[in-house]
PDB file of N, CA and C in Angstrom:
ATOM      1  N   MET A   1       0.828  -1.183   0.000  1.00  0.00           N
ATOM      2  CA  MET A   1       0.000   0.000   0.000  1.00  0.00           C
ATOM      3  C   MET A   1       0.878   1.254   0.000  1.00  0.00           C
ATOM      4  N   ILE A   2       0.532   2.205  -0.798  1.00  0.00           N
ATOM      5  CA  ILE A   2       1.259   3.479  -0.784  1.00  0.00           C
ATOM      6  C   ILE A   2       0.906   4.217   0.495  1.00  0.00           C
ATOM      7  N   ARG A   3       1.936   4.749   1.164  1.00  0.00           N
ATOM      8  CA  ARG A   3       1.728   5.386   2.465  1.00  0.00           C
ATOM      9  C   ARG A   3       2.089   6.864   2.499  1.00  0.00           C
ATOM     10  N   GLY A   4       2.629   7.382   1.419  1.00  0.00           N
ATOM     11  CA  GLY A   4       2.993   8.793   1.423  1.00  0.00           C
ATOM     12  C   GLY A   4       3.990   9.095   0.327  1.00  0.00           C
ATOM     13  N   ILE A   5       4.495  10.317   0.359  1.00  0.00           N
ATOM     14  CA  ILE A   5       5.503  10.750  -0.601  1.00  0.00           C
ATOM     15  C   ILE A   5       6.849  10.739   0.098  1.00  0.00           C
ATOM     16  N   LYS A   6       7.812  10.051  -0.489  1.00  0.00           N
ATOM     17  CA  LYS A   6       9.139   9.952   0.111  1.00  0.00           C
ATOM     18  C   LYS A   6      10.048  11.078  -0.368  1.00  0.00           C
ATOM     19  N   ILE A   7      10.201  11.230  -1.690  1.00  0.00           N
ATOM     20  CA  ILE A   7      11.123  12.214  -2.246  1.00  0.00           C
ATOM     21  C   ILE A   7      10.437  12.957  -3.387  1.00  0.00           C
ATOM     22  N   VAL A   8      10.623  14.259  -3.418  1.00  0.00           N
ATOM     23  CA  VAL A   8      10.170  15.094  -4.527  1.00  0.00           C
ATOM     24  C   VAL A   8      11.410  15.720  -5.143  1.00  0.00           C
ATOM     25  N   SER A   9      11.580  15.606  -6.451  1.00  0.00           N
ATOM     26  CA  SER A   9      12.736  16.193  -7.124  1.00  0.00           C
ATOM     27  C   SER A   9      12.447  17.630  -7.538  1.00  0.00           C
ATOM     28  N   ILE A  10      13.427  18.487  -7.292  1.00  0.00           N
ATOM     29  CA  ILE A  10      13.380  19.863  -7.757  1.00  0.00           C
ATOM     30  C   ILE A  10      14.385  19.960  -8.899  1.00  0.00           C
ATOM     31  N   PRO A  11      13.914  20.294 -10.109  1.00  0.00           N
ATOM     32  CA  PRO A  11      14.831  20.376 -11.244  1.00  0.00           C
ATOM     33  C   PRO A  11      15.712  21.623 -11.144  1.00  0.00           C
ATOM     34  N   VAL A  12      17.032  21.432 -11.199  1.00  0.00           N
ATOM     35  CA  VAL A  12      17.975  22.542 -11.044  1.00  0.00           C
ATOM     36  C   VAL A  12      19.063  22.488 -12.109  1.00  0.00           C
ATOM     37  N   ARG A  13      19.643  23.651 -12.419  1.00  0.00           N
ATOM     38  CA  ARG A  13      20.762  23.744 -13.364  1.00  0.00           C
ATOM     39  C   ARG A  13      22.101  23.576 -12.656  1.00  0.00           C
ATOM     40  N   ASN A  14      22.235  24.219 -11.508  1.00  0.00           N
ATOM     41  CA  ASN A  14      23.499  24.248 -10.780  1.00  0.00           C
ATOM     42  C   ASN A  14      23.263  23.698  -9.379  1.00  0.00           C
ATOM     43  N   GLN A  15      23.692  22.473  -9.151  1.00  0.00           N
ATOM     44  CA  GLN A  15      23.425  21.831  -7.865  1.00  0.00           C
ATOM     45  C   GLN A  15      24.085  22.549  -6.696  1.00  0.00           C
ATOM     46  N   ASP A  16      25.291  23.070  -6.890  1.00  0.00           N
ATOM     47  CA  ASP A  16      25.975  23.767  -5.792  1.00  0.00           C
ATOM     48  C   ASP A  16      25.219  25.029  -5.383  1.00  0.00           C
ATOM     49  N   GLU A  17      24.807  25.822  -6.367  1.00  0.00           N
ATOM     50  CA  GLU A  17      24.063  27.054  -6.079  1.00  0.00           C
ATOM     51  C   GLU A  17      22.730  26.721  -5.407  1.00  0.00           C
ATOM     52  N   SER A  18      22.051  25.712  -5.911  1.00  0.00           N
ATOM     53  CA  SER A  18      20.770  25.320  -5.326  1.00  0.00           C
ATOM     54  C   SER A  18      20.940  24.765  -3.919  1.00  0.00           C
ATOM     55  N   LEU A  19      21.995  24.002  -3.687  1.00  0.00           N
ATOM     56  CA  LEU A  19      22.264  23.465  -2.359  1.00  0.00           C
ATOM     57  C   LEU A  19      22.456  24.601  -1.357  1.00  0.00           C
ATOM     58  N   ARG A  20      23.237  25.601  -1.728  1.00  0.00           N
ATOM     59  CA  ARG A  20      23.424  26.760  -0.836  1.00  0.00           C
ATOM     60  C   ARG A  20      22.095  27.470  -0.564  1.00  0.00           C
ATOM     61  N   PHE A  21      21.305  27.675  -1.610  1.00  0.00           N
ATOM     62  CA  PHE A  21      20.024  28.362  -1.467  1.00  0.00           C
ATOM     63  C   PHE A  21      19.102  27.619  -0.500  1.00  0.00           C
ATOM     64  N   TYR A  22      18.897  26.330  -0.750  1.00  0.00           N
ATOM     65  CA  TYR A  22      17.927  25.579   0.048  1.00  0.00           C
ATOM     66  C   TYR A  22      18.396  25.310   1.475  1.00  0.00           C
ATOM     67  N   THR A  23      19.706  25.268   1.705  1.00  0.00           N
ATOM     68  CA  THR A  23      20.181  25.059   3.081  1.00  0.00           C
ATOM     69  C   THR A  23      20.353  26.390   3.811  1.00  0.00           C
ATOM     70  N   GLU A  24      21.034  27.346   3.195  1.00  0.00           N
ATOM     71  CA  GLU A  24      21.343  28.601   3.882  1.00  0.00           C
ATOM     72  C   GLU A  24      20.169  29.566   3.948  1.00  0.00           C
ATOM     73  N   LYS A  25      19.353  29.616   2.912  1.00  0.00           N
ATOM     74  CA  LYS A  25      18.261  30.585   2.878  1.00  0.00           C
ATOM     75  C   LYS A  25      16.911  30.011   3.285  1.00  0.00           C
ATOM     76  N   VAL A  26      16.632  28.776   2.872  1.00  0.00           N
ATOM     77  CA  VAL A  26      15.331  28.181   3.176  1.00  0.00           C
ATOM     78  C   VAL A  26      15.378  27.366   4.466  1.00  0.00           C
ATOM     79  N   GLY A  27      16.550  26.850   4.830  1.00  0.00           N
ATOM     80  CA  GLY A  27      16.696  26.160   6.107  1.00  0.00           C
ATOM     81  C   GLY A  27      16.566  24.651   6.070  1.00  0.00           C
ATOM     82  N   PHE A  28      16.654  24.042   4.888  1.00  0.00           N
ATOM     83  CA  PHE A  28      16.600  22.597   4.795  1.00  0.00           C
ATOM     84  C   PHE A  28      17.964  22.008   5.176  1.00  0.00           C
ATOM     85  N   LYS A  29      17.990  20.726   5.513  1.00  0.00           N
ATOM     86  CA  LYS A  29      19.201  20.042   5.961  1.00  0.00           C
ATOM     87  C   LYS A  29      19.615  18.963   4.955  1.00  0.00           C
ATOM     88  N   VAL A  30      20.909  18.766   4.809  1.00  0.00           N
ATOM     89  CA  VAL A  30      21.415  17.761   3.876  1.00  0.00           C
ATOM     90  C   VAL A  30      21.273  16.366   4.483  1.00  0.00           C
ATOM     91  N   ALA A  31      20.581  15.484   3.776  1.00  0.00           N
ATOM     92  CA  ALA A  31      20.472  14.083   4.184  1.00  0.00           C
ATOM     93  C   ALA A  31      21.591  13.293   3.520  1.00  0.00           C
ATOM     94  N   THR A  32      21.824  13.572   2.236  1.00  0.00           N
ATOM     95  CA  THR A  32      22.910  12.921   1.511  1.00  0.00           C
ATOM     96  C   THR A  32      23.343  13.799   0.347  1.00  0.00           C
ATOM     97  N   ASP A  33      24.622  13.742   0.055  1.00  0.00           N
ATOM     98  CA  ASP A  33      25.209  14.439  -1.091  1.00  0.00           C
ATOM     99  C   ASP A  33      26.315  13.519  -1.592  1.00  0.00           C
ATOM    100  N   GLN A  34      26.012  12.777  -2.648  1.00  0.00           N
ATOM    101  CA  GLN A  34      26.959  11.766  -3.113  1.00  0.00           C
ATOM    102  C   GLN A  34      26.966  11.702  -4.637  1.00  0.00           C
ATOM    103  N   PRO A  35      28.021  11.134  -5.215  1.00  0.00           N
ATOM    104  CA  PRO A  35      28.068  11.001  -6.669  1.00  0.00           C
ATOM    105  C   PRO A  35      26.885  10.176  -7.171  1.00  0.00           C
ATOM    106  N   PHE A  36      26.380  10.557  -8.345  1.00  0.00           N
ATOM    107  CA  PHE A  36      25.278   9.806  -8.941  1.00  0.00           C
ATOM    108  C   PHE A  36      25.661   9.314 -10.332  1.00  0.00           C
ATOM    109  N   ASN A  37      26.075  10.247 -11.168  1.00  0.00           N
ATOM    110  CA  ASN A  37      26.566   9.896 -12.500  1.00  0.00           C
ATOM    111  C   ASN A  37      27.646  10.924 -12.856  1.00  0.00           C
ATOM    112  N   GLY A  38      28.140  10.906 -14.026  1.00  0.00           N
ATOM    113  CA  GLY A  38      29.211  11.824 -14.386  1.00  0.00           C
ATOM    114  C   GLY A  38      28.798  13.274 -14.467  1.00  0.00           C
ATOM    115  N   LYS A  39      27.497  13.552 -14.468  1.00  0.00           N
ATOM    116  CA  LYS A  39      27.009  14.917 -14.627  1.00  0.00           C
ATOM    117  C   LYS A  39      26.427  15.518 -13.353  1.00  0.00           C
ATOM    118  N   GLN A  40      25.872  14.682 -12.482  1.00  0.00           N
ATOM    119  CA  GLN A  40      25.184  15.187 -11.294  1.00  0.00           C
ATOM    120  C   GLN A  40      25.512  14.353 -10.066  1.00  0.00           C
ATOM    121  N   ARG A  41      25.208  14.963  -8.917  1.00  0.00           N
ATOM    122  CA  ARG A  41      25.265  14.250  -7.638  1.00  0.00           C
ATOM    123  C   ARG A  41      23.825  13.967  -7.211  1.00  0.00           C
ATOM    124  N   TRP A  42      23.667  13.031  -6.293  1.00  0.00           N
ATOM    125  CA  TRP A  42      22.363  12.818  -5.667  1.00  0.00           C
ATOM    126  C   TRP A  42      22.374  13.624  -4.380  1.00  0.00           C
ATOM    127  N   ILE A  43      21.647  14.725  -4.390  1.00  0.00           N
ATOM    128  CA  ILE A  43      21.559  15.598  -3.218  1.00  0.00           C
ATOM    129  C   ILE A  43      20.141  15.507  -2.686  1.00  0.00           C
ATOM    130  N   GLU A  44      20.017  14.979  -1.486  1.00  0.00           N
ATOM    131  CA  GLU A  44      18.711  14.832  -0.856  1.00  0.00           C
ATOM    132  C   GLU A  44      18.672  15.723   0.386  1.00  0.00           C
ATOM    133  N   LEU A  45      17.609  16.506   0.502  1.00  0.00           N
ATOM    134  CA  LEU A  45      17.453  17.454   1.597  1.00  0.00           C
ATOM    135  C   LEU A  45      16.270  17.072   2.472  1.00  0.00           C
ATOM    136  N   LEU A  46      16.422  17.326   3.757  1.00  0.00           N
ATOM    137  CA  LEU A  46      15.348  17.095   4.715  1.00  0.00           C
ATOM    138  C   LEU A  46      14.711  18.426   5.079  1.00  0.00           C
ATOM    139  N   ILE A  47      13.400  18.406   5.196  1.00  0.00           N
ATOM    140  CA  ILE A  47      12.659  19.553   5.710  1.00  0.00           C
ATOM    141  C   ILE A  47      12.490  19.278   7.206  1.00  0.00           C
ATOM    142  N   PRO A  48      13.049  20.131   8.076  1.00  0.00           N
ATOM    143  CA  PRO A  48      12.939  19.856   9.505  1.00  0.00           C
ATOM    144  C   PRO A  48      11.487  19.589   9.932  1.00  0.00           C
ATOM    145  N   GLY A  49      11.273  18.448  10.581  1.00  0.00           N
ATOM    146  CA  GLY A  49       9.959  18.079  11.081  1.00  0.00           C
ATOM    147  C   GLY A  49       9.056  17.388  10.072  1.00  0.00           C
ATOM    148  N   ALA A  50       9.545  17.129   8.862  1.00  0.00           N
ATOM    149  CA  ALA A  50       8.714  16.503   7.828  1.00  0.00           C
ATOM    150  C   ALA A  50       9.259  15.127   7.455  1.00  0.00           C
ATOM    151  N   ASP A  51       8.387  14.271   6.948  1.00  0.00           N
ATOM    152  CA  ASP A  51       8.791  12.946   6.497  1.00  0.00           C
ATOM    153  C   ASP A  51       9.271  12.943   5.048  1.00  0.00           C
ATOM    154  N   THR A  52       8.810  13.899   4.265  1.00  0.00           N
ATOM    155  CA  THR A  52       9.162  13.973   2.851  1.00  0.00           C
ATOM    156  C   THR A  52      10.499  14.677   2.687  1.00  0.00           C
ATOM    157  N   SER A  53      11.320  14.200   1.765  1.00  0.00           N
ATOM    158  CA  SER A  53      12.577  14.883   1.473  1.00  0.00           C
ATOM    159  C   SER A  53      12.554  15.383   0.036  1.00  0.00           C
ATOM    160  N   LEU A  54      13.529  16.224  -0.293  1.00  0.00           N
ATOM    161  CA  LEU A  54      13.641  16.820  -1.615  1.00  0.00           C
ATOM    162  C   LEU A  54      14.963  16.421  -2.231  1.00  0.00           C
ATOM    163  N   ALA A  55      14.971  16.197  -3.525  1.00  0.00           N
ATOM    164  CA  ALA A  55      16.205  15.899  -4.246  1.00  0.00           C
ATOM    165  C   ALA A  55      16.466  17.035  -5.228  1.00  0.00           C
ATOM    166  N   LEU A  56      17.668  17.595  -5.179  1.00  0.00           N
ATOM    167  CA  LEU A  56      18.079  18.618  -6.141  1.00  0.00           C
ATOM    168  C   LEU A  56      18.679  17.876  -7.318  1.00  0.00           C
ATOM    169  N   PHE A  57      17.827  17.487  -8.239  1.00  0.00           N
ATOM    170  CA  PHE A  57      18.224  16.564  -9.290  1.00  0.00           C
ATOM    171  C   PHE A  57      17.329  16.752 -10.506  1.00  0.00           C
ATOM    172  N   THR A  58      17.935  16.734 -11.676  1.00  0.00           N
ATOM    173  CA  THR A  58      17.190  16.842 -12.926  1.00  0.00           C
ATOM    174  C   THR A  58      17.486  15.611 -13.781  1.00  0.00           C
ATOM    175  N   PRO A  59      16.502  14.736 -13.981  1.00  0.00           N
ATOM    176  CA  PRO A  59      16.740  13.574 -14.828  1.00  0.00           C
ATOM    177  C   PRO A  59      17.124  14.008 -16.249  1.00  0.00           C
ATOM    178  N   GLU A  60      18.036  13.270 -16.846  1.00  0.00           N
ATOM    179  CA  GLU A  60      18.455  13.583 -18.204  1.00  0.00           C
ATOM    180  C   GLU A  60      17.235  13.625 -19.124  1.00  0.00           C
ATOM    181  N   GLY A  61      17.178  14.659 -19.958  1.00  0.00           N
ATOM    182  CA  GLY A  61      16.055  14.832 -20.862  1.00  0.00           C
ATOM    183  C   GLY A  61      14.910  15.636 -20.286  1.00  0.00           C
ATOM    184  N   HIS A  62      15.027  16.029 -19.018  1.00  0.00           N
ATOM    185  CA  HIS A  62      13.969  16.793 -18.356  1.00  0.00           C
ATOM    186  C   HIS A  62      14.409  18.220 -18.022  1.00  0.00           C
ATOM    187  N   GLU A  63      15.430  18.693 -18.689  1.00  0.00           N
ATOM    188  CA  GLU A  63      15.955  20.030 -18.419  1.00  0.00           C
ATOM    189  C   GLU A  63      14.918  21.128 -18.679  1.00  0.00           C
ATOM    190  N   SER A  64      13.954  20.870 -19.541  1.00  0.00           N
ATOM    191  CA  SER A  64      12.923  21.865 -19.838  1.00  0.00           C
ATOM    192  C   SER A  64      12.015  22.130 -18.636  1.00  0.00           C
ATOM    193  N   ARG A  65      12.080  21.295 -17.624  1.00  0.00           N
ATOM    194  CA  ARG A  65      11.258  21.478 -16.416  1.00  0.00           C
ATOM    195  C   ARG A  65      11.870  22.470 -15.436  1.00  0.00           C
ATOM    196  N   ILE A  66      13.092  22.896 -15.697  1.00  0.00           N
ATOM    197  CA  ILE A  66      13.766  23.837 -14.800  1.00  0.00           C
ATOM    198  C   ILE A  66      13.177  25.226 -15.009  1.00  0.00           C
ATOM    199  N   GLY A  67      12.793  25.879 -13.928  1.00  0.00           N
ATOM    200  CA  GLY A  67      12.245  27.235 -13.997  1.00  0.00           C
ATOM    201  C   GLY A  67      10.734  27.220 -14.129  1.00  0.00           C
ATOM    202  N   GLY A  68      10.120  28.311 -13.710  1.00  0.00           N
ATOM    203  CA  GLY A  68       8.670  28.424 -13.780  1.00  0.00           C
ATOM    204  C   GLY A  68       7.987  27.797 -12.588  1.00  0.00           C
ATOM    205  N   PHE A  69       6.677  27.779 -12.646  1.00  0.00           N
ATOM    206  CA  PHE A  69       5.877  27.267 -11.534  1.00  0.00           C
ATOM    207  C   PHE A  69       6.044  25.762 -11.396  1.00  0.00           C
ATOM    208  N   GLN A  70       6.259  25.311 -10.161  1.00  0.00           N
ATOM    209  CA  GLN A  70       6.409  23.881  -9.881  1.00  0.00           C
ATOM    210  C   GLN A  70       5.167  23.376  -9.144  1.00  0.00           C
ATOM    211  N   PRO A  71       4.726  22.158  -9.425  1.00  0.00           N
ATOM    212  CA  PRO A  71       3.510  21.618  -8.811  1.00  0.00           C
ATOM    213  C   PRO A  71       3.769  21.066  -7.404  1.00  0.00           C
ATOM    214  N   LEU A  72       4.250  21.927  -6.536  1.00  0.00           N
ATOM    215  CA  LEU A  72       4.603  21.530  -5.183  1.00  0.00           C
ATOM    216  C   LEU A  72       4.279  22.688  -4.252  1.00  0.00           C
ATOM    217  N   THR A  73       3.555  22.414  -3.190  1.00  0.00           N
ATOM    218  CA  THR A  73       3.235  23.440  -2.199  1.00  0.00           C
ATOM    219  C   THR A  73       3.808  23.020  -0.858  1.00  0.00           C
ATOM    220  N   PHE A  74       4.575  23.918  -0.245  1.00  0.00           N
ATOM    221  CA  PHE A  74       5.103  23.701   1.100  1.00  0.00           C
ATOM    222  C   PHE A  74       4.095  24.240   2.103  1.00  0.00           C
ATOM    223  N   TRP A  75       4.020  23.642   3.287  1.00  0.00           N
ATOM    224  CA  TRP A  75       3.166  24.214   4.321  1.00  0.00           C
ATOM    225  C   TRP A  75       4.027  24.722   5.462  1.00  0.00           C
ATOM    226  N   CYS A  76       3.508  25.729   6.142  1.00  0.00           N
ATOM    227  CA  CYS A  76       4.196  26.316   7.290  1.00  0.00           C
ATOM    228  C   CYS A  76       3.144  26.732   8.315  1.00  0.00           C
ATOM    229  N   ASP A  77       3.596  27.043   9.522  1.00  0.00           N
ATOM    230  CA  ASP A  77       2.665  27.447  10.574  1.00  0.00           C
ATOM    231  C   ASP A  77       2.119  28.846  10.346  1.00  0.00           C
ATOM    232  N   ASP A  78       2.972  29.751   9.875  1.00  0.00           N
ATOM    233  CA  ASP A  78       2.590  31.161   9.733  1.00  0.00           C
ATOM    234  C   ASP A  78       3.195  31.693   8.440  1.00  0.00           C
ATOM    235  N   VAL A  79       2.374  31.901   7.440  1.00  0.00           N
ATOM    236  CA  VAL A  79       2.842  32.344   6.127  1.00  0.00           C
ATOM    237  C   VAL A  79       3.500  33.718   6.216  1.00  0.00           C
ATOM    238  N   PHE A  80       2.905  34.629   6.969  1.00  0.00           N
ATOM    239  CA  PHE A  80       3.450  35.981   7.072  1.00  0.00           C
ATOM    240  C   PHE A  80       4.830  35.972   7.728  1.00  0.00           C
ATOM    241  N   ALA A  81       5.000  35.219   8.809  1.00  0.00           N
ATOM    242  CA  ALA A  81       6.299  35.131   9.492  1.00  0.00           C
ATOM    243  C   ALA A  81       7.328  34.422   8.614  1.00  0.00           C
ATOM    244  N   THR A  82       6.911  33.371   7.918  1.00  0.00           N
ATOM    245  CA  THR A  82       7.823  32.649   7.031  1.00  0.00           C
ATOM    246  C   THR A  82       8.276  33.540   5.890  1.00  0.00           C
ATOM    247  N   ALA A  83       7.352  34.289   5.311  1.00  0.00           N
ATOM    248  CA  ALA A  83       7.700  35.211   4.220  1.00  0.00           C
ATOM    249  C   ALA A  83       8.717  36.251   4.705  1.00  0.00           C
ATOM    250  N   LYS A  84       8.500  36.777   5.879  1.00  0.00           N
ATOM    251  CA  LYS A  84       9.418  37.781   6.441  1.00  0.00           C
ATOM    252  C   LYS A  84      10.811  37.174   6.655  1.00  0.00           C
ATOM    253  N   LEU A  85      10.865  35.958   7.198  1.00  0.00           N
ATOM    254  CA  LEU A  85      12.137  35.281   7.420  1.00  0.00           C
ATOM    255  C   LEU A  85      12.856  35.007   6.101  1.00  0.00           C
ATOM    256  N   LEU A  86      12.137  34.469   5.121  1.00  0.00           N
ATOM    257  CA  LEU A  86      12.751  34.174   3.831  1.00  0.00           C
ATOM    258  C   LEU A  86      13.278  35.447   3.166  1.00  0.00           C
ATOM    259  N   GLN A  87      12.499  36.519   3.207  1.00  0.00           N
ATOM    260  CA  GLN A  87      12.945  37.779   2.622  1.00  0.00           C
ATOM    261  C   GLN A  87      14.193  38.303   3.324  1.00  0.00           C
ATOM    262  N   SER A  88      14.266  38.149   4.639  1.00  0.00           N
ATOM    263  CA  SER A  88      15.444  38.624   5.387  1.00  0.00           C
ATOM    264  C   SER A  88      16.697  37.846   5.000  1.00  0.00           C
ATOM    265  N   ARG A  89      16.509  36.649   4.452  1.00  0.00           N
ATOM    266  CA  ARG A  89      17.632  35.817   3.999  1.00  0.00           C
ATOM    267  C   ARG A  89      17.914  35.995   2.507  1.00  0.00           C
ATOM    268  N   GLY A  90      17.208  36.920   1.869  1.00  0.00           N
ATOM    269  CA  GLY A  90      17.451  37.208   0.460  1.00  0.00           C
ATOM    270  C   GLY A  90      16.642  36.396  -0.527  1.00  0.00           C
ATOM    271  N   VAL A  91      15.603  35.715  -0.064  1.00  0.00           N
ATOM    272  CA  VAL A  91      14.755  34.928  -0.953  1.00  0.00           C
ATOM    273  C   VAL A  91      13.740  35.863  -1.618  1.00  0.00           C
ATOM    274  N   GLU A  92      13.608  35.725  -2.936  1.00  0.00           N
ATOM    275  CA  GLU A  92      12.663  36.551  -3.688  1.00  0.00           C
ATOM    276  C   GLU A  92      11.254  35.969  -3.591  1.00  0.00           C
ATOM    277  N   LEU A  93      10.312  36.802  -3.138  1.00  0.00           N
ATOM    278  CA  LEU A  93       8.915  36.395  -3.140  1.00  0.00           C
ATOM    279  C   LEU A  93       8.301  36.766  -4.484  1.00  0.00           C
ATOM    280  N   VAL A  94       7.586  35.840  -5.068  1.00  0.00           N
ATOM    281  CA  VAL A  94       6.895  36.069  -6.326  1.00  0.00           C
ATOM    282  C   VAL A  94       5.488  36.587  -6.037  1.00  0.00           C
ATOM    283  N   ALA A  95       4.931  36.165  -4.919  1.00  0.00           N
ATOM    284  CA  ALA A  95       3.622  36.635  -4.465  1.00  0.00           C
ATOM    285  C   ALA A  95       3.707  36.861  -2.961  1.00  0.00           C
ATOM    286  N   GLU A  96       3.361  38.059  -2.541  1.00  0.00           N
ATOM    287  CA  GLU A  96       3.347  38.389  -1.115  1.00  0.00           C
ATOM    288  C   GLU A  96       2.259  37.573  -0.416  1.00  0.00           C
ATOM    289  N   PRO A  97       2.392  37.379   0.895  1.00  0.00           N
ATOM    290  CA  PRO A  97       1.375  36.626   1.623  1.00  0.00           C
ATOM    291  C   PRO A  97       0.000  37.281   1.485  1.00  0.00           C
ATOM    292  N   LYS A  98      -0.986  36.422   1.301  1.00  0.00           N
ATOM    293  CA  LYS A  98      -2.348  36.944   1.255  1.00  0.00           C
ATOM    294  C   LYS A  98      -3.315  35.869   1.709  1.00  0.00           C
ATOM    295  N   LYS A  99      -4.370  36.332   2.355  1.00  0.00           N
ATOM    296  CA  LYS A  99      -5.400  35.420   2.844  1.00  0.00           C
ATOM    297  C   LYS A  99      -6.404  35.165   1.732  1.00  0.00           C
ATOM    298  N   GLU A 100      -6.713  33.902   1.554  1.00  0.00           N
ATOM    299  CA  GLU A 100      -7.718  33.464   0.596  1.00  0.00           C
ATOM    300  C   GLU A 100      -8.830  32.779   1.381  1.00  0.00           C
ATOM    301  N   VAL A 101      -9.913  32.434   0.731  1.00  0.00           N
ATOM    302  CA  VAL A 101     -11.006  31.764   1.435  1.00  0.00           C
ATOM    303  C   VAL A 101     -10.587  30.384   1.937  1.00  0.00           C
ATOM    304  N   TRP A 102      -9.614  29.769   1.264  1.00  0.00           N
ATOM    305  CA  TRP A 102      -9.161  28.424   1.631  1.00  0.00           C
ATOM    306  C   TRP A 102      -7.956  28.435   2.564  1.00  0.00           C
ATOM    307  N   GLY A 103      -7.350  29.607   2.813  1.00  0.00           N
ATOM    308  CA  GLY A 103      -6.180  29.701   3.688  1.00  0.00           C
ATOM    309  C   GLY A 103      -5.277  30.837   3.255  1.00  0.00           C
ATOM    310  N   THR A 104      -4.094  30.883   3.808  1.00  0.00           N
ATOM    311  CA  THR A 104      -3.135  31.940   3.506  1.00  0.00           C
ATOM    312  C   THR A 104      -1.987  31.351   2.694  1.00  0.00           C
ATOM    313  N   MET A 105      -1.520  32.111   1.685  1.00  0.00           N
ATOM    314  CA  MET A 105      -0.456  31.607   0.815  1.00  0.00           C
ATOM    315  C   MET A 105       0.467  32.728   0.379  1.00  0.00           C
ATOM    316  N   ALA A 106       1.650  32.326  -0.093  1.00  0.00           N
ATOM    317  CA  ALA A 106       2.623  33.212  -0.728  1.00  0.00           C
ATOM    318  C   ALA A 106       3.432  32.333  -1.674  1.00  0.00           C
ATOM    319  N   LYS A 107       4.286  32.941  -2.502  1.00  0.00           N
ATOM    320  CA  LYS A 107       5.141  32.175  -3.409  1.00  0.00           C
ATOM    321  C   LYS A 107       6.558  32.729  -3.366  1.00  0.00           C
ATOM    322  N   PHE A 108       7.542  31.816  -3.470  1.00  0.00           N
ATOM    323  CA  PHE A 108       8.938  32.228  -3.578  1.00  0.00           C
ATOM    324  C   PHE A 108       9.570  31.615  -4.815  1.00  0.00           C
ATOM    325  N   LYS A 109      10.732  32.180  -5.190  1.00  0.00           N
ATOM    326  CA  LYS A 109      11.467  31.736  -6.367  1.00  0.00           C
ATOM    327  C   LYS A 109      12.865  31.314  -5.939  1.00  0.00           C
ATOM    328  N   ASP A 110      13.354  30.209  -6.522  1.00  0.00           N
ATOM    329  CA  ASP A 110      14.723  29.769  -6.244  1.00  0.00           C
ATOM    330  C   ASP A 110      15.664  30.318  -7.328  1.00  0.00           C
ATOM    331  N   PRO A 111      16.975  30.059  -7.225  1.00  0.00           N
ATOM    332  CA  PRO A 111      17.930  30.621  -8.194  1.00  0.00           C
ATOM    333  C   PRO A 111      17.695  30.194  -9.644  1.00  0.00           C
ATOM    334  N   ASP A 112      17.003  29.079  -9.861  1.00  0.00           N
ATOM    335  CA  ASP A 112      16.733  28.601 -11.216  1.00  0.00           C
ATOM    336  C   ASP A 112      15.416  29.129 -11.772  1.00  0.00           C
ATOM    337  N   GLY A 113      14.714  29.936 -10.990  1.00  0.00           N
ATOM    338  CA  GLY A 113      13.426  30.448 -11.436  1.00  0.00           C
ATOM    339  C   GLY A 113      12.264  29.528 -11.117  1.00  0.00           C
ATOM    340  N   ASN A 114      12.527  28.432 -10.396  1.00  0.00           N
ATOM    341  CA  ASN A 114      11.437  27.564  -9.937  1.00  0.00           C
ATOM    342  C   ASN A 114      10.614  28.333  -8.915  1.00  0.00           C
ATOM    343  N   GLU A 115       9.306  28.320  -9.053  1.00  0.00           N
ATOM    344  CA  GLU A 115       8.415  29.009  -8.130  1.00  0.00           C
ATOM    345  C   GLU A 115       7.614  27.995  -7.333  1.00  0.00           C
ATOM    346  N   PHE A 116       7.505  28.264  -6.023  1.00  0.00           N
ATOM    347  CA  PHE A 116       6.805  27.374  -5.126  1.00  0.00           C
ATOM    348  C   PHE A 116       5.834  28.148  -4.243  1.00  0.00           C
ATOM    349  N   VAL A 117       4.681  27.577  -4.010  1.00  0.00           N
ATOM    350  CA  VAL A 117       3.718  28.124  -3.075  1.00  0.00           C
ATOM    351  C   VAL A 117       4.084  27.627  -1.683  1.00  0.00           C
ATOM    352  N   PHE A 118       3.885  28.480  -0.680  1.00  0.00           N
ATOM    353  CA  PHE A 118       3.895  28.009   0.706  1.00  0.00           C
ATOM    354  C   PHE A 118       2.649  28.561   1.357  1.00  0.00           C
ATOM    355  N   SER A 119       2.002  27.707   2.149  1.00  0.00           N
ATOM    356  CA  SER A 119       0.737  28.083   2.745  1.00  0.00           C
ATOM    357  C   SER A 119       0.615  27.502   4.147  1.00  0.00           C
ATOM    358  N   SER A 120      -0.367  28.007   4.869  1.00  0.00           N
ATOM    359  CA  SER A 120      -0.628  27.456   6.193  1.00  0.00           C
ATOM    360  C   SER A 120      -1.623  26.321   6.056  1.00  0.00           C
ATOM    361  N   ARG A 121      -1.601  25.446   7.005  1.00  0.00           N
ATOM    362  CA  ARG A 121      -2.508  24.293   6.970  1.00  0.00           C
ATOM    363  C   ARG A 121      -3.895  24.706   7.329  1.00  0.00           C
TER     364      ARG A 121
END
């Protein structure tokens, strides 16, 4: 039986730049960083307090997926406080926090132009 999501890949151009961004600015932790093939490493990141991890990895032939809106939403306790913290660390917000009928959300952009929603539960 499927029990959840284990790893979500974030397509990136430069693994080193993305690793710095997601650890230093967003606050994720490195679970593993090891050789994968001659072109990329397998970099897996942990979100503190979450079961799902992220891989900074682009499968060969999927480079067109780098940049733009990504079908992944992060959740946080307080969207406004998270947005303020991310901005203080130099993260670009694509959409400022705003309350919707279904909850509160904002969007940020990573160095590759990938955009992600973060919202409260």
